[in-house]
Amino acid sequence: MAARECDLLREVLAKDCRMESVTSNININRQFGQQQEGLTINGSMSFQITLK
């Protein structure tokens, strides 16, 4: 997914693109009252681009 983002940036606004970092966090939600049990997943990606 992250590699595809550089392709998309090159198509739209970047002359060059380099991925600098990818982070992801996963939290387990236990069942308490009304809250359902499951997972919460968050992530971020940072890119260095040169504009066209």
N, C-alpha and C. Protein backbone atom coordinates (compact mmCIF):
# COMPACT_ATOMS: atom_id res chain seq x y z
N MET A 1 0.83 -1.18 0.00
CA MET A 1 0.00 0.00 0.00
C MET A 1 0.88 1.25 0.00
N ALA A 2 1.91 1.26 0.82
CA ALA A 2 2.78 2.44 0.92
C ALA A 2 3.50 2.69 -0.40
N ALA A 3 3.97 1.64 -1.06
CA ALA A 3 4.66 1.81 -2.34
C ALA A 3 3.72 2.37 -3.40
N ARG A 4 2.47 1.98 -3.37
CA ARG A 4 1.47 2.49 -4.32
C ARG A 4 1.25 3.98 -4.13
N GLU A 5 1.36 4.46 -2.90
CA GLU A 5 1.18 5.89 -2.63
C GLU A 5 2.20 6.72 -3.38
N CYS A 6 3.45 6.28 -3.45
CA CYS A 6 4.46 7.00 -4.22
C CYS A 6 4.09 7.03 -5.70
N ASP A 7 3.58 5.94 -6.23
CA ASP A 7 3.14 5.92 -7.63
C ASP A 7 2.04 6.95 -7.85
N LEU A 8 1.09 7.02 -6.92
CA LEU A 8 -0.01 7.98 -7.03
C LEU A 8 0.50 9.41 -6.95
N LEU A 9 1.41 9.68 -6.04
CA LEU A 9 1.99 11.03 -5.92
C LEU A 9 2.72 11.42 -7.20
N ARG A 10 3.44 10.48 -7.82
CA ARG A 10 4.13 10.76 -9.08
C ARG A 10 3.14 11.08 -10.20
N GLU A 11 2.02 10.40 -10.23
CA GLU A 11 1.01 10.66 -11.26
C GLU A 11 0.42 12.07 -11.12
N VAL A 12 0.25 12.53 -9.89
CA VAL A 12 -0.49 13.77 -9.65
C VAL A 12 0.42 14.99 -9.51
N LEU A 13 1.42 14.94 -8.62
CA LEU A 13 2.15 16.18 -8.36
C LEU A 13 3.65 16.03 -8.14
N ALA A 14 4.17 14.83 -8.10
CA ALA A 14 5.58 14.66 -7.76
C ALA A 14 6.42 14.25 -8.96
N LYS A 15 7.60 14.85 -9.04
CA LYS A 15 8.60 14.44 -10.03
C LYS A 15 9.33 13.21 -9.49
N ASP A 16 9.59 13.23 -8.17
CA ASP A 16 10.26 12.12 -7.52
C ASP A 16 9.62 11.91 -6.14
N CYS A 17 9.64 10.69 -5.66
CA CYS A 17 9.03 10.36 -4.37
C CYS A 17 9.87 9.31 -3.67
N ARG A 18 10.05 9.54 -2.37
CA ARG A 18 10.78 8.58 -1.55
C ARG A 18 10.04 8.42 -0.22
N MET A 19 9.77 7.19 0.14
CA MET A 19 9.11 6.92 1.41
C MET A 19 10.13 7.07 2.53
N GLU A 20 9.79 7.87 3.55
CA GLU A 20 10.71 8.07 4.66
C GLU A 20 10.39 7.20 5.86
N SER A 21 9.10 7.02 6.17
CA SER A 21 8.77 6.19 7.32
C SER A 21 7.34 5.66 7.21
N VAL A 22 7.13 4.52 7.86
CA VAL A 22 5.80 3.92 7.97
C VAL A 22 5.65 3.47 9.43
N THR A 23 4.55 3.85 10.05
CA THR A 23 4.28 3.41 11.42
C THR A 23 2.87 2.84 11.50
N SER A 24 2.69 1.89 12.38
CA SER A 24 1.36 1.35 12.61
C SER A 24 1.21 0.98 14.08
N ASN A 25 0.01 1.14 14.59
CA ASN A 25 -0.31 0.82 15.97
C ASN A 25 -1.59 -0.02 15.99
N ILE A 26 -1.59 -1.06 16.79
CA ILE A 26 -2.76 -1.92 16.94
C ILE A 26 -3.12 -1.97 18.42
N ASN A 27 -4.37 -1.64 18.73
CA ASN A 27 -4.88 -1.72 20.10
C ASN A 27 -6.01 -2.74 20.17
N ILE A 28 -5.99 -3.54 21.21
CA ILE A 28 -7.05 -4.52 21.42
C ILE A 28 -8.11 -3.89 22.31
N ASN A 29 -9.36 -3.92 21.86
CA ASN A 29 -10.48 -3.39 22.64
C ASN A 29 -11.17 -4.56 23.34
N ARG A 30 -11.14 -4.53 24.64
CA ARG A 30 -11.87 -5.54 25.43
C ARG A 30 -13.32 -5.10 25.56
N GLN A 31 -14.19 -6.01 25.81
CA GLN A 31 -15.62 -5.68 25.92
C GLN A 31 -15.93 -5.15 27.31
N PHE A 32 -16.35 -3.87 27.37
CA PHE A 32 -16.76 -3.22 28.62
C PHE A 32 -18.10 -2.54 28.36
N GLY A 33 -19.15 -3.01 28.95
CA GLY A 33 -20.46 -2.39 28.78
C GLY A 33 -20.91 -2.38 27.33
N GLN A 34 -21.12 -1.19 26.78
CA GLN A 34 -21.62 -1.03 25.41
C GLN A 34 -20.53 -1.19 24.34
N GLN A 35 -19.25 -1.01 24.73
CA GLN A 35 -18.16 -1.09 23.75
C GLN A 35 -17.97 -2.52 23.28
N GLN A 36 -17.81 -2.70 21.97
CA GLN A 36 -17.62 -4.04 21.43
C GLN A 36 -16.15 -4.42 21.44
N GLU A 37 -15.91 -5.69 21.56
CA GLU A 37 -14.56 -6.22 21.51
C GLU A 37 -14.05 -6.17 20.08
N GLY A 38 -12.78 -5.87 19.88
CA GLY A 38 -12.21 -5.83 18.54
C GLY A 38 -10.85 -5.16 18.54
N LEU A 39 -10.44 -4.72 17.37
CA LEU A 39 -9.14 -4.08 17.20
C LEU A 39 -9.32 -2.67 16.66
N THR A 40 -8.42 -1.78 17.07
CA THR A 40 -8.32 -0.45 16.49
C THR A 40 -6.93 -0.36 15.88
N ILE A 41 -6.86 -0.05 14.59
CA ILE A 41 -5.58 0.02 13.90
C ILE A 41 -5.41 1.42 13.33
N ASN A 42 -4.28 2.04 13.63
CA ASN A 42 -3.94 3.36 13.12
C ASN A 42 -2.57 3.29 12.46
N GLY A 43 -2.35 4.12 11.47
CA GLY A 43 -1.05 4.14 10.82
C GLY A 43 -0.78 5.46 10.15
N SER A 44 0.47 5.68 9.83
CA SER A 44 0.85 6.89 9.09
C SER A 44 2.05 6.58 8.21
N MET A 45 2.16 7.35 7.13
CA MET A 45 3.28 7.23 6.20
C MET A 45 3.81 8.62 5.92
N SER A 46 5.13 8.75 5.81
CA SER A 46 5.76 10.02 5.47
C SER A 46 6.55 9.84 4.19
N PHE A 47 6.41 10.82 3.30
CA PHE A 47 7.08 10.78 2.01
C PHE A 47 7.87 12.06 1.78
N GLN A 48 8.97 11.96 1.10
CA GLN A 48 9.74 13.12 0.65
C GLN A 48 9.52 13.21 -0.86
N ILE A 49 8.98 14.33 -1.34
CA ILE A 49 8.73 14.45 -2.77
C ILE A 49 9.41 15.70 -3.33
N THR A 50 9.67 15.64 -4.64
CA THR A 50 10.11 16.80 -5.41
C THR A 50 8.97 17.12 -6.35
N LEU A 51 8.48 18.37 -6.32
CA LEU A 51 7.35 18.75 -7.16
C LEU A 51 7.74 18.77 -8.63
N LYS A 52 6.74 18.54 -9.47
CA LYS A 52 6.94 18.57 -10.93
C LYS A 52 7.28 19.97 -11.37
